[in-house]
């Protein structure tokens, strides 16, 4: 969700004892409706981007644990699907444009910069929102989502002082477009470890294909 008003309703339902989960995305915690007006189709997504005030308010629901996750909602569309045509049909208005933002690679660094660097959010809040809470929501806590005996050794090592700029060339997607291209910030993952094995380091994927395992619900 991108609306803090909706997040408040979710929070009230949770406080009333309802088993309700909700997620937001890094683009809803960083980009605004003004970015859509300035840059066009690349920033079209659903739900839509909101005002700067809404972005600031949305962070309060990340901090208080209302959200069960900060997701990427990754939309791997091609340039043509955003700007020219979809399945051979010419794009004539904004409603024809493929909706969504490519963000799975950039989501964590964007969230860290927007939350921890710009707003002084405790990094543990981000760990909870992007690891612990999702693991509990999907019933895999006990194997994923925390650093404890018996859990998989899944770790992301972040250099909090490392500066970055997202460019098309730095994207590892087939379609090297993203609304995050051009964004600059501080705080970058430098090593990713899955089940004790290094799978990415310094912006490069080091693991071979097929190293992933299906994780079933524990509860």
N, C-alpha and C. Protein backbone atom coordinates (compact mmCIF):
# COMPACT_ATOMS: atom_id res chain seq x y z
N UNK A 1 0.83 -1.18 0.00
CA UNK A 1 0.00 0.00 0.00
C UNK A 1 0.87 1.25 0.00
N UNK A 2 0.31 2.32 -0.55
CA UNK A 2 1.05 3.58 -0.62
C UNK A 2 0.39 4.67 0.21
N UNK A 3 -0.80 4.41 0.73
CA UNK A 3 -1.54 5.43 1.47
C UNK A 3 -1.39 5.26 2.98
N UNK A 4 -0.92 6.28 3.69
CA UNK A 4 -0.84 6.19 5.15
C UNK A 4 -2.21 6.12 5.81
N UNK A 5 -3.23 6.64 5.15
CA UNK A 5 -4.58 6.54 5.70
C UNK A 5 -5.04 5.08 5.74
N UNK A 6 -4.70 4.32 4.71
CA UNK A 6 -5.03 2.90 4.68
C UNK A 6 -4.19 2.15 5.72
N UNK A 7 -2.93 2.54 5.84
CA UNK A 7 -2.05 1.93 6.84
C UNK A 7 -2.62 2.11 8.24
N UNK A 8 -3.21 3.26 8.50
CA UNK A 8 -3.82 3.50 9.81
C UNK A 8 -4.99 2.54 10.05
N UNK A 9 -5.78 2.28 9.02
CA UNK A 9 -6.90 1.33 9.14
C UNK A 9 -6.37 -0.08 9.44
N UNK A 10 -5.28 -0.44 8.78
CA UNK A 10 -4.66 -1.74 9.03
C UNK A 10 -4.19 -1.83 10.48
N UNK A 11 -3.56 -0.78 10.95
CA UNK A 11 -3.06 -0.74 12.33
C UNK A 11 -4.20 -0.89 13.32
N UNK A 12 -5.31 -0.21 13.07
CA UNK A 12 -6.46 -0.29 13.97
C UNK A 12 -7.04 -1.70 13.98
N UNK A 13 -7.06 -2.35 12.81
CA UNK A 13 -7.56 -3.73 12.74
C UNK A 13 -6.64 -4.68 13.51
N UNK A 14 -5.33 -4.48 13.38
CA UNK A 14 -4.38 -5.30 14.12
C UNK A 14 -4.54 -5.11 15.62
N UNK A 15 -4.73 -3.86 16.05
CA UNK A 15 -4.91 -3.58 17.47
C UNK A 15 -6.20 -4.17 18.02
N UNK A 16 -7.18 -4.35 17.12
CA UNK A 16 -8.46 -4.94 17.52
C UNK A 16 -8.39 -6.47 17.55
N UNK A 17 -7.24 -7.03 17.17
CA UNK A 17 -7.06 -8.47 17.24
C UNK A 17 -7.23 -9.23 15.95
N UNK A 18 -7.44 -8.52 14.84
CA UNK A 18 -7.60 -9.20 13.55
C UNK A 18 -6.23 -9.61 13.00
N UNK A 19 -6.19 -10.76 12.37
CA UNK A 19 -4.95 -11.26 11.77
C UNK A 19 -4.82 -10.66 10.36
N UNK A 20 -4.33 -9.44 10.31
CA UNK A 20 -4.22 -8.70 9.06
C UNK A 20 -2.75 -8.37 8.79
N UNK A 21 -2.30 -8.65 7.59
CA UNK A 21 -0.95 -8.28 7.20
C UNK A 21 -1.01 -7.25 6.08
N UNK A 22 0.05 -6.50 5.95
CA UNK A 22 0.12 -5.48 4.89
C UNK A 22 1.58 -5.25 4.55
N UNK A 23 1.82 -4.80 3.33
CA UNK A 23 3.18 -4.48 2.92
C UNK A 23 3.18 -3.17 2.15
N UNK A 24 4.34 -2.55 2.13
CA UNK A 24 4.57 -1.41 1.26
C UNK A 24 5.82 -1.71 0.45
N UNK A 25 6.29 -0.75 -0.33
CA UNK A 25 7.44 -0.97 -1.20
C UNK A 25 8.42 0.19 -1.06
N UNK A 26 9.65 -0.05 -1.47
CA UNK A 26 10.67 0.99 -1.37
C UNK A 26 10.30 2.22 -2.19
N UNK A 27 9.63 2.03 -3.34
CA UNK A 27 9.29 3.21 -4.14
C UNK A 27 8.22 4.06 -3.46
N UNK A 28 7.35 3.43 -2.66
CA UNK A 28 6.35 4.21 -1.93
C UNK A 28 6.96 4.94 -0.73
N UNK A 29 8.16 4.53 -0.35
CA UNK A 29 8.85 5.16 0.76
C UNK A 29 9.89 6.17 0.30
N UNK A 30 9.94 6.43 -1.01
CA UNK A 30 10.96 7.33 -1.54
C UNK A 30 10.46 8.25 -2.66
N UNK A 31 9.70 7.72 -3.59
CA UNK A 31 9.23 8.49 -4.74
C UNK A 31 7.86 9.10 -4.47
N UNK A 32 7.50 10.12 -5.25
CA UNK A 32 6.23 10.82 -5.03
C UNK A 32 5.46 11.01 -6.34
N UNK A 33 4.23 11.54 -6.20
CA UNK A 33 3.41 11.82 -7.37
C UNK A 33 4.06 12.86 -8.28
N UNK A 34 4.89 13.71 -7.71
CA UNK A 34 5.58 14.71 -8.53
C UNK A 34 6.60 14.05 -9.46
N UNK A 35 7.15 12.92 -9.06
CA UNK A 35 8.05 12.17 -9.93
C UNK A 35 7.31 11.64 -11.15
N UNK A 36 6.06 11.24 -10.96
CA UNK A 36 5.24 10.77 -12.08
C UNK A 36 5.02 11.90 -13.07
N UNK A 37 4.64 13.06 -12.56
CA UNK A 37 4.36 14.21 -13.42
C UNK A 37 5.62 14.66 -14.15
N UNK A 38 6.77 14.56 -13.50
CA UNK A 38 8.01 15.03 -14.11
C UNK A 38 8.61 14.03 -15.08
N UNK A 39 8.39 12.73 -14.83
CA UNK A 39 9.10 11.70 -15.60
C UNK A 39 8.22 10.78 -16.43
N UNK A 40 6.92 10.76 -16.16
CA UNK A 40 6.02 10.02 -17.03
C UNK A 40 5.89 8.54 -16.75
N UNK A 41 5.68 7.74 -17.83
CA UNK A 41 5.25 6.34 -17.72
C UNK A 41 6.12 5.44 -16.87
N UNK A 42 7.42 5.72 -16.80
CA UNK A 42 8.33 4.85 -16.05
C UNK A 42 7.93 4.78 -14.57
N UNK A 43 7.22 5.79 -14.10
CA UNK A 43 6.85 5.88 -12.68
C UNK A 43 5.41 5.46 -12.42
N UNK A 44 4.75 4.93 -13.43
CA UNK A 44 3.37 4.46 -13.22
C UNK A 44 3.39 3.14 -12.47
N UNK A 45 2.61 3.06 -11.40
CA UNK A 45 2.51 1.82 -10.64
C UNK A 45 1.16 1.80 -9.92
N UNK A 46 0.81 0.65 -9.37
CA UNK A 46 -0.47 0.51 -8.67
C UNK A 46 -0.25 -0.24 -7.37
N UNK A 47 -0.66 0.34 -6.22
CA UNK A 47 -1.29 1.66 -6.12
C UNK A 47 -0.33 2.77 -6.55
N UNK A 48 -0.85 3.97 -6.80
CA UNK A 48 0.00 5.04 -7.32
C UNK A 48 0.90 5.65 -6.26
N UNK A 49 1.92 6.35 -6.73
CA UNK A 49 2.77 7.12 -5.84
C UNK A 49 1.97 8.27 -5.25
N UNK A 50 2.31 8.66 -4.03
CA UNK A 50 1.54 9.68 -3.31
C UNK A 50 2.38 10.94 -3.09
N UNK A 51 1.90 11.82 -2.23
CA UNK A 51 2.57 13.09 -1.97
C UNK A 51 3.79 12.89 -1.06
N UNK A 52 4.64 13.91 -1.00
CA UNK A 52 5.79 13.85 -0.10
C UNK A 52 5.34 13.70 1.34
N UNK A 53 4.27 14.37 1.71
CA UNK A 53 3.75 14.25 3.07
C UNK A 53 3.32 12.81 3.36
N UNK A 54 2.68 12.18 2.39
CA UNK A 54 2.25 10.79 2.57
C UNK A 54 3.45 9.86 2.72
N UNK A 55 4.51 10.11 1.96
CA UNK A 55 5.72 9.31 2.08
C UNK A 55 6.28 9.40 3.49
N UNK A 56 6.36 10.62 4.01
CA UNK A 56 6.88 10.81 5.37
C UNK A 56 6.00 10.11 6.40
N UNK A 57 4.70 10.20 6.24
CA UNK A 57 3.78 9.55 7.18
C UNK A 57 3.87 8.05 7.10
N UNK A 58 4.11 7.52 5.89
CA UNK A 58 4.16 6.07 5.70
C UNK A 58 5.31 5.47 6.50
N UNK A 59 6.38 6.22 6.66
CA UNK A 59 7.52 5.72 7.42
C UNK A 59 7.17 5.44 8.88
N UNK A 60 6.21 6.17 9.43
CA UNK A 60 5.83 5.92 10.83
C UNK A 60 5.24 4.53 11.00
N UNK A 61 4.60 4.01 9.96
CA UNK A 61 4.00 2.67 10.03
C UNK A 61 5.05 1.57 9.79
N UNK A 62 6.14 1.94 9.14
CA UNK A 62 7.28 1.02 9.08
C UNK A 62 7.90 0.91 10.46
N UNK A 63 8.07 2.05 11.12
CA UNK A 63 8.73 2.08 12.42
C UNK A 63 7.92 1.38 13.52
N UNK A 64 6.59 1.50 13.46
CA UNK A 64 5.79 0.89 14.54
C UNK A 64 5.42 -0.56 14.27
N UNK A 65 5.88 -1.11 13.14
CA UNK A 65 5.67 -2.54 12.87
C UNK A 65 4.35 -2.89 12.23
N UNK A 66 3.59 -1.89 11.77
CA UNK A 66 2.32 -2.18 11.11
C UNK A 66 2.52 -3.04 9.86
N UNK A 67 3.57 -2.73 9.11
CA UNK A 67 3.81 -3.46 7.87
C UNK A 67 4.49 -4.79 8.14
N UNK A 68 4.04 -5.81 7.45
CA UNK A 68 4.65 -7.13 7.55
C UNK A 68 5.80 -7.29 6.57
N UNK A 69 6.08 -6.25 5.82
CA UNK A 69 7.20 -6.32 4.89
C UNK A 69 7.33 -5.08 4.04
N UNK A 70 8.56 -4.83 3.59
CA UNK A 70 8.83 -3.86 2.54
C UNK A 70 9.24 -4.68 1.33
N UNK A 71 8.39 -4.72 0.34
CA UNK A 71 8.61 -5.57 -0.82
C UNK A 71 9.14 -4.76 -2.01
N UNK A 72 9.49 -5.46 -3.07
CA UNK A 72 9.93 -4.76 -4.29
C UNK A 72 8.77 -4.57 -5.26
N UNK A 73 7.80 -5.52 -5.25
CA UNK A 73 6.73 -5.52 -6.26
C UNK A 73 7.34 -5.42 -7.65
N UNK A 74 8.43 -6.15 -7.85
CA UNK A 74 9.25 -6.03 -9.05
C UNK A 74 8.43 -6.25 -10.33
N UNK A 75 8.53 -5.28 -11.24
CA UNK A 75 7.81 -5.35 -12.51
C UNK A 75 8.83 -5.26 -13.64
N UNK A 76 9.23 -6.41 -14.20
CA UNK A 76 10.35 -6.45 -15.13
C UNK A 76 9.96 -6.16 -16.59
N UNK A 77 9.30 -5.05 -16.82
CA UNK A 77 8.81 -4.76 -18.17
C UNK A 77 9.94 -4.23 -19.06
N UNK A 78 9.67 -4.28 -20.35
CA UNK A 78 10.62 -3.76 -21.33
C UNK A 78 10.37 -2.28 -21.57
N UNK A 79 11.30 -1.65 -22.27
CA UNK A 79 11.15 -0.24 -22.63
C UNK A 79 9.89 -0.03 -23.45
N UNK A 80 9.63 -0.92 -24.41
CA UNK A 80 8.46 -0.77 -25.27
C UNK A 80 7.16 -0.82 -24.47
N UNK A 81 7.12 -1.66 -23.44
CA UNK A 81 5.90 -1.80 -22.64
C UNK A 81 5.63 -0.56 -21.80
N UNK A 82 6.63 0.24 -21.58
CA UNK A 82 6.45 1.49 -20.85
C UNK A 82 6.22 2.68 -21.78
N UNK A 83 6.82 2.63 -22.96
CA UNK A 83 6.84 3.83 -23.79
C UNK A 83 6.30 3.68 -25.22
N UNK A 84 6.28 2.46 -25.77
CA UNK A 84 5.93 2.35 -27.18
C UNK A 84 4.70 1.49 -27.46
N UNK A 85 4.77 0.20 -27.11
CA UNK A 85 3.66 -0.67 -27.43
C UNK A 85 3.62 -1.86 -26.50
N UNK A 86 2.43 -2.43 -26.36
CA UNK A 86 2.23 -3.64 -25.57
C UNK A 86 1.59 -4.68 -26.48
N UNK A 87 2.30 -5.79 -26.67
CA UNK A 87 1.82 -6.88 -27.53
C UNK A 87 1.37 -6.37 -28.89
N UNK A 88 2.17 -5.45 -29.45
CA UNK A 88 1.89 -4.95 -30.79
C UNK A 88 0.91 -3.79 -30.84
N UNK A 89 0.30 -3.45 -29.72
CA UNK A 89 -0.64 -2.33 -29.68
C UNK A 89 0.08 -1.07 -29.23
N UNK A 90 -0.06 0.00 -29.98
CA UNK A 90 0.61 1.26 -29.68
C UNK A 90 0.06 1.87 -28.40
N UNK A 91 0.95 2.37 -27.55
CA UNK A 91 0.54 3.06 -26.33
C UNK A 91 0.09 4.47 -26.70
N UNK A 92 -1.16 4.79 -26.39
CA UNK A 92 -1.71 6.09 -26.75
C UNK A 92 -2.03 6.96 -25.55
N UNK A 93 -2.12 6.37 -24.36
CA UNK A 93 -2.38 7.16 -23.16
C UNK A 93 -1.83 6.43 -21.95
N UNK A 94 -1.86 7.09 -20.82
CA UNK A 94 -1.23 6.54 -19.62
C UNK A 94 -1.90 5.24 -19.17
N UNK A 95 -3.16 5.04 -19.52
CA UNK A 95 -3.86 3.83 -19.09
C UNK A 95 -3.38 2.60 -19.86
N UNK A 96 -2.74 2.81 -21.01
CA UNK A 96 -2.18 1.70 -21.79
C UNK A 96 -0.82 1.25 -21.27
N UNK A 97 -0.18 2.08 -20.48
CA UNK A 97 1.19 1.82 -20.04
C UNK A 97 1.23 0.66 -19.04
N UNK A 98 2.24 -0.20 -19.20
CA UNK A 98 2.48 -1.26 -18.23
C UNK A 98 2.72 -0.62 -16.88
N UNK A 99 2.02 -1.10 -15.85
CA UNK A 99 2.19 -0.55 -14.51
C UNK A 99 3.22 -1.32 -13.71
N UNK A 100 3.97 -0.61 -12.91
CA UNK A 100 4.94 -1.27 -12.05
C UNK A 100 6.32 -0.69 -12.17
N UNK A 101 7.15 -0.96 -11.16
CA UNK A 101 8.51 -0.43 -11.09
C UNK A 101 9.48 -1.58 -10.83
N UNK A 102 10.59 -1.57 -11.57
CA UNK A 102 11.63 -2.58 -11.37
C UNK A 102 12.46 -2.19 -10.16
N UNK A 103 12.37 -2.98 -9.08
CA UNK A 103 13.03 -2.54 -7.86
C UNK A 103 13.67 -3.60 -7.00
N UNK A 104 13.67 -4.86 -7.43
CA UNK A 104 14.16 -5.91 -6.55
C UNK A 104 15.65 -5.76 -6.24
N UNK A 105 16.43 -5.23 -7.18
CA UNK A 105 17.86 -5.07 -6.94
C UNK A 105 18.15 -3.85 -6.07
N UNK A 106 17.35 -2.79 -6.21
CA UNK A 106 17.65 -1.51 -5.57
C UNK A 106 16.87 -1.26 -4.29
N UNK A 107 15.87 -2.09 -4.01
CA UNK A 107 14.94 -1.80 -2.93
C UNK A 107 15.57 -1.61 -1.56
N UNK A 108 16.52 -2.48 -1.20
CA UNK A 108 17.10 -2.39 0.14
C UNK A 108 17.93 -1.13 0.31
N UNK A 109 18.79 -0.82 -0.66
CA UNK A 109 19.64 0.36 -0.52
C UNK A 109 18.81 1.64 -0.52
N UNK A 110 17.74 1.66 -1.30
CA UNK A 110 16.85 2.82 -1.32
C UNK A 110 16.17 2.99 0.04
N UNK A 111 15.67 1.89 0.60
CA UNK A 111 15.00 1.95 1.90
C UNK A 111 15.98 2.38 2.99
N UNK A 112 17.21 1.89 2.95
CA UNK A 112 18.20 2.27 3.95
C UNK A 112 18.51 3.75 3.85
N UNK A 113 18.72 4.25 2.64
CA UNK A 113 19.06 5.66 2.46
C UNK A 113 17.90 6.56 2.89
N UNK A 114 16.69 6.20 2.47
CA UNK A 114 15.53 7.03 2.79
C UNK A 114 15.20 6.98 4.28
N UNK A 115 15.32 5.80 4.87
CA UNK A 115 14.94 5.66 6.27
C UNK A 115 16.07 5.96 7.24
N UNK A 116 17.14 5.21 7.15
CA UNK A 116 18.21 5.31 8.14
C UNK A 116 19.09 6.54 7.94
N UNK A 117 19.41 6.86 6.69
CA UNK A 117 20.29 8.00 6.42
C UNK A 117 19.53 9.32 6.52
N UNK A 118 18.41 9.43 5.80
CA UNK A 118 17.70 10.71 5.75
C UNK A 118 16.84 10.98 6.98
N UNK A 119 16.25 9.92 7.55
CA UNK A 119 15.29 10.12 8.62
C UNK A 119 15.76 9.63 9.99
N UNK A 120 16.93 9.04 10.03
CA UNK A 120 17.46 8.58 11.30
C UNK A 120 16.77 7.36 11.87
N UNK A 121 16.13 6.57 11.02
CA UNK A 121 15.47 5.35 11.46
C UNK A 121 16.52 4.33 11.91
N UNK A 122 16.26 3.67 13.01
CA UNK A 122 17.16 2.64 13.53
C UNK A 122 17.28 1.51 12.50
N UNK A 123 18.50 1.10 12.11
CA UNK A 123 18.65 0.01 11.14
C UNK A 123 17.94 -1.27 11.55
N UNK A 124 17.74 -1.48 12.86
CA UNK A 124 17.03 -2.67 13.31
C UNK A 124 15.57 -2.65 12.87
N UNK A 125 15.02 -1.46 12.67
CA UNK A 125 13.65 -1.34 12.16
C UNK A 125 13.58 -1.91 10.75
N UNK A 126 14.61 -1.60 9.95
CA UNK A 126 14.64 -2.10 8.58
C UNK A 126 14.83 -3.61 8.55
N UNK A 127 15.67 -4.12 9.44
CA UNK A 127 15.86 -5.57 9.53
C UNK A 127 14.55 -6.27 9.88
N UNK A 128 13.80 -5.67 10.77
CA UNK A 128 12.51 -6.24 11.15
C UNK A 128 11.53 -6.20 9.99
N UNK A 129 11.50 -5.06 9.28
CA UNK A 129 10.52 -4.88 8.20
C UNK A 129 10.86 -5.69 6.95
N UNK A 130 12.14 -6.04 6.76
CA UNK A 130 12.53 -6.72 5.53
C UNK A 130 13.00 -8.15 5.75
N UNK A 131 12.99 -8.61 7.02
CA UNK A 131 13.42 -9.99 7.30
C UNK A 131 12.51 -10.66 8.31
N UNK A 132 12.49 -10.15 9.54
CA UNK A 132 11.76 -10.82 10.61
C UNK A 132 10.24 -10.84 10.37
N UNK A 133 9.66 -9.68 10.11
CA UNK A 133 8.20 -9.62 9.91
C UNK A 133 7.72 -10.45 8.71
N UNK A 134 8.40 -10.37 7.56
CA UNK A 134 7.97 -11.21 6.43
C UNK A 134 8.05 -12.70 6.75
N UNK A 135 9.12 -13.11 7.45
CA UNK A 135 9.27 -14.52 7.80
C UNK A 135 8.11 -14.99 8.68
N UNK A 136 7.70 -14.16 9.62
CA UNK A 136 6.57 -14.51 10.48
C UNK A 136 5.27 -14.53 9.69
N UNK A 137 5.09 -13.57 8.79
CA UNK A 137 3.85 -13.50 8.00
C UNK A 137 3.69 -14.72 7.10
N UNK A 138 4.80 -15.24 6.59
CA UNK A 138 4.74 -16.38 5.68
C UNK A 138 4.94 -17.73 6.38
N UNK A 139 5.04 -17.69 7.71
CA UNK A 139 5.11 -18.93 8.46
C UNK A 139 6.43 -19.66 8.34
N UNK A 140 7.53 -18.93 8.08
CA UNK A 140 8.83 -19.58 7.96
C UNK A 140 9.82 -19.09 9.02
N UNK A 141 9.31 -18.34 10.00
CA UNK A 141 10.17 -17.93 11.11
C UNK A 141 10.52 -19.17 11.94
N UNK A 142 11.77 -19.28 12.24
CA UNK A 142 12.31 -20.50 12.83
C UNK A 142 13.36 -21.08 11.90
N UNK A 143 13.26 -20.68 10.63
CA UNK A 143 14.25 -21.05 9.62
C UNK A 143 14.82 -19.80 8.96
N UNK A 144 13.95 -18.82 8.77
CA UNK A 144 14.35 -17.57 8.12
C UNK A 144 13.97 -16.37 8.98
N UNK A 145 14.60 -15.23 8.70
CA UNK A 145 14.15 -13.99 9.28
C UNK A 145 14.87 -13.51 10.52
N UNK A 146 15.86 -14.25 11.02
CA UNK A 146 16.52 -13.85 12.25
C UNK A 146 17.92 -14.48 12.30
N UNK A 147 18.75 -13.96 13.19
CA UNK A 147 20.07 -14.53 13.41
C UNK A 147 20.04 -15.26 14.75
N UNK A 148 19.74 -16.56 14.70
CA UNK A 148 19.59 -17.37 15.90
C UNK A 148 20.05 -18.80 15.61
N UNK A 149 20.41 -19.55 16.65
CA UNK A 149 20.75 -20.96 16.44
C UNK A 149 19.59 -21.71 15.78
N UNK A 150 19.91 -22.52 14.78
CA UNK A 150 18.90 -23.30 14.10
C UNK A 150 18.32 -22.63 12.87
N UNK A 151 18.53 -21.32 12.72
CA UNK A 151 18.06 -20.61 11.53
C UNK A 151 19.09 -20.74 10.41
N UNK A 152 18.63 -20.60 9.17
CA UNK A 152 19.57 -20.55 8.05
C UNK A 152 20.47 -19.33 8.21
N UNK A 153 21.73 -19.48 7.83
CA UNK A 153 22.68 -18.37 7.94
C UNK A 153 22.52 -17.46 6.73
N UNK A 154 21.42 -16.70 6.71
CA UNK A 154 21.15 -15.73 5.65
C UNK A 154 21.51 -14.35 6.17
N UNK A 155 22.43 -13.68 5.53
CA UNK A 155 22.91 -12.39 6.00
C UNK A 155 23.14 -11.43 4.84
N UNK A 156 22.86 -10.16 5.08
CA UNK A 156 23.26 -9.10 4.16
C UNK A 156 24.20 -8.18 4.93
N UNK A 157 25.39 -8.02 4.42
CA UNK A 157 26.37 -7.13 5.05
C UNK A 157 26.34 -5.80 4.31
N UNK A 158 26.09 -4.74 5.06
CA UNK A 158 25.92 -3.41 4.48
C UNK A 158 27.06 -2.49 4.90
N UNK A 159 27.59 -1.75 3.94
CA UNK A 159 28.54 -0.67 4.25
C UNK A 159 27.72 0.62 4.37
N UNK A 160 27.49 1.12 5.58
CA UNK A 160 26.60 2.27 5.77
C UNK A 160 27.16 3.58 5.22
N UNK A 161 28.45 3.61 4.93
CA UNK A 161 29.07 4.84 4.43
C UNK A 161 29.32 4.83 2.92
N UNK A 162 29.07 3.71 2.30
CA UNK A 162 29.37 3.59 0.86
C UNK A 162 28.33 4.35 0.04
N UNK A 163 28.79 5.28 -0.78
CA UNK A 163 27.90 6.08 -1.62
C UNK A 163 27.62 5.35 -2.93
N UNK A 164 26.44 5.60 -3.48
CA UNK A 164 26.05 4.91 -4.70
C UNK A 164 25.20 5.80 -5.60
N UNK A 165 25.17 5.44 -6.85
CA UNK A 165 24.24 6.01 -7.84
C UNK A 165 23.71 4.87 -8.69
N UNK A 166 22.40 4.78 -8.82
CA UNK A 166 21.80 3.72 -9.61
C UNK A 166 21.80 4.13 -11.08
N UNK A 167 22.43 3.32 -11.91
CA UNK A 167 22.47 3.57 -13.35
C UNK A 167 21.89 2.38 -14.09
N UNK A 168 21.53 2.59 -15.33
CA UNK A 168 21.03 1.49 -16.14
C UNK A 168 22.06 0.39 -16.29
N UNK A 169 23.32 0.79 -16.43
CA UNK A 169 24.40 -0.18 -16.62
C UNK A 169 24.63 -1.04 -15.38
N UNK A 170 24.30 -0.50 -14.22
CA UNK A 170 24.53 -1.26 -12.98
C UNK A 170 23.43 -2.28 -12.70
N UNK A 171 22.32 -2.18 -13.41
CA UNK A 171 21.21 -3.11 -13.19
C UNK A 171 21.53 -4.47 -13.79
N UNK A 172 21.18 -5.52 -13.08
CA UNK A 172 21.45 -6.88 -13.54
C UNK A 172 20.24 -7.50 -14.22
N UNK A 173 19.20 -6.70 -14.44
CA UNK A 173 18.00 -7.20 -15.11
C UNK A 173 18.23 -7.32 -16.61
N UNK A 174 17.39 -8.13 -17.26
CA UNK A 174 17.42 -8.19 -18.73
C UNK A 174 17.00 -6.84 -19.30
N UNK A 175 15.91 -6.28 -18.73
CA UNK A 175 15.44 -4.96 -19.16
C UNK A 175 16.02 -3.92 -18.19
N UNK A 176 17.01 -3.19 -18.64
CA UNK A 176 17.76 -2.30 -17.76
C UNK A 176 17.11 -0.93 -17.62
N UNK A 177 15.85 -0.95 -17.16
CA UNK A 177 15.15 0.30 -16.89
C UNK A 177 14.55 0.22 -15.49
N UNK A 178 14.49 1.35 -14.83
CA UNK A 178 13.92 1.41 -13.50
C UNK A 178 13.68 2.86 -13.12
N UNK A 179 12.62 3.11 -12.38
CA UNK A 179 12.36 4.46 -11.89
C UNK A 179 13.44 4.91 -10.92
N UNK A 180 14.23 3.97 -10.40
CA UNK A 180 15.30 4.33 -9.46
C UNK A 180 16.58 4.80 -10.16
N UNK A 181 16.66 4.62 -11.48
CA UNK A 181 17.86 5.05 -12.20
C UNK A 181 18.05 6.56 -12.03
N UNK A 182 19.25 6.95 -11.66
CA UNK A 182 19.54 8.36 -11.41
C UNK A 182 19.53 8.72 -9.94
N UNK A 183 18.95 7.85 -9.11
CA UNK A 183 18.91 8.12 -7.67
C UNK A 183 20.30 7.91 -7.07
N UNK A 184 20.66 8.77 -6.11
CA UNK A 184 21.92 8.67 -5.40
C UNK A 184 21.66 8.52 -3.91
N UNK A 185 22.58 7.88 -3.20
CA UNK A 185 22.39 7.72 -1.77
C UNK A 185 23.61 7.15 -1.09
N UNK A 186 23.40 6.72 0.15
CA UNK A 186 24.50 6.18 0.95
C UNK A 186 24.02 4.94 1.70
N UNK A 187 24.88 3.93 1.74
CA UNK A 187 24.54 2.67 2.38
C UNK A 187 24.27 1.60 1.35
N UNK A 188 25.22 0.70 1.15
CA UNK A 188 25.12 -0.27 0.06
C UNK A 188 25.46 -1.68 0.54
N UNK A 189 24.66 -2.68 0.16
CA UNK A 189 25.02 -4.07 0.46
C UNK A 189 26.31 -4.44 -0.27
N UNK A 190 27.25 -5.01 0.45
CA UNK A 190 28.52 -5.39 -0.16
C UNK A 190 28.73 -6.91 -0.16
N UNK A 191 27.87 -7.63 0.58
CA UNK A 191 28.00 -9.09 0.59
C UNK A 191 26.66 -9.70 1.00
N UNK A 192 26.22 -10.70 0.26
CA UNK A 192 24.98 -11.40 0.57
C UNK A 192 25.28 -12.88 0.75
N UNK A 193 24.82 -13.43 1.86
CA UNK A 193 25.10 -14.81 2.23
C UNK A 193 23.79 -15.57 2.39
N UNK A 194 23.67 -16.71 1.74
CA UNK A 194 22.49 -17.56 1.86
C UNK A 194 22.93 -18.94 2.36
N UNK A 195 22.33 -19.36 3.48
CA UNK A 195 22.67 -20.63 4.10
C UNK A 195 24.18 -20.79 4.29
N UNK A 196 24.84 -19.66 4.66
CA UNK A 196 26.26 -19.69 4.93
C UNK A 196 27.15 -19.56 3.72
N UNK A 197 26.57 -19.44 2.53
CA UNK A 197 27.34 -19.35 1.30
C UNK A 197 27.23 -17.96 0.68
N UNK A 198 28.34 -17.38 0.30
CA UNK A 198 28.35 -16.07 -0.34
C UNK A 198 27.75 -16.21 -1.74
N UNK A 199 26.70 -15.43 -2.02
CA UNK A 199 26.05 -15.51 -3.34
C UNK A 199 26.18 -14.21 -4.12
N UNK A 200 26.55 -13.12 -3.45
CA UNK A 200 26.77 -11.84 -4.14
C UNK A 200 27.78 -11.03 -3.36
N UNK A 201 28.63 -10.32 -4.09
CA UNK A 201 29.68 -9.55 -3.44
C UNK A 201 30.06 -8.37 -4.31
N UNK A 202 30.07 -7.17 -3.70
CA UNK A 202 30.47 -5.95 -4.40
C UNK A 202 29.74 -5.75 -5.72
N UNK A 203 28.43 -5.97 -5.69
CA UNK A 203 27.61 -5.72 -6.86
C UNK A 203 27.63 -6.81 -7.91
N UNK A 204 28.26 -7.94 -7.61
CA UNK A 204 28.36 -9.05 -8.56
C UNK A 204 27.71 -10.30 -7.97
N UNK A 205 26.95 -11.01 -8.80
CA UNK A 205 26.42 -12.30 -8.37
C UNK A 205 27.51 -13.34 -8.50
N UNK A 206 27.81 -14.01 -7.41
CA UNK A 206 28.90 -14.99 -7.40
C UNK A 206 28.40 -16.43 -7.36
N UNK A 207 27.14 -16.62 -7.06
CA UNK A 207 26.59 -17.98 -6.97
C UNK A 207 26.22 -18.51 -8.34
N UNK A 208 26.23 -19.82 -8.46
CA UNK A 208 25.76 -20.46 -9.69
C UNK A 208 24.24 -20.55 -9.66
N UNK A 209 23.64 -20.65 -10.81
CA UNK A 209 22.19 -20.78 -10.88
C UNK A 209 21.75 -22.09 -10.23
N UNK A 210 20.60 -22.04 -9.59
CA UNK A 210 20.05 -23.25 -9.00
C UNK A 210 20.43 -23.50 -7.56
N UNK A 211 20.97 -22.48 -6.88
CA UNK A 211 21.36 -22.68 -5.48
C UNK A 211 20.19 -22.49 -4.51
N UNK A 212 19.08 -21.99 -5.01
CA UNK A 212 17.93 -21.75 -4.14
C UNK A 212 17.24 -23.03 -3.71
N UNK A 213 16.63 -23.00 -2.54
CA UNK A 213 15.85 -24.12 -2.02
C UNK A 213 14.42 -23.66 -1.75
N UNK A 214 13.46 -24.54 -2.00
CA UNK A 214 12.08 -24.26 -1.65
C UNK A 214 11.93 -24.28 -0.14
N UNK A 215 11.37 -23.22 0.41
CA UNK A 215 11.16 -23.15 1.85
C UNK A 215 9.66 -23.27 2.13
N UNK A 216 9.28 -24.31 2.82
CA UNK A 216 7.87 -24.55 3.14
C UNK A 216 7.50 -23.93 4.49
N UNK A 217 6.24 -23.66 4.66
CA UNK A 217 5.75 -23.09 5.91
C UNK A 217 6.07 -24.03 7.07
N UNK A 218 6.44 -23.44 8.18
CA UNK A 218 6.71 -24.21 9.39
C UNK A 218 5.50 -24.25 10.29
N UNK A 219 4.59 -23.29 10.10
CA UNK A 219 3.40 -23.21 10.95
C UNK A 219 2.22 -22.64 10.17
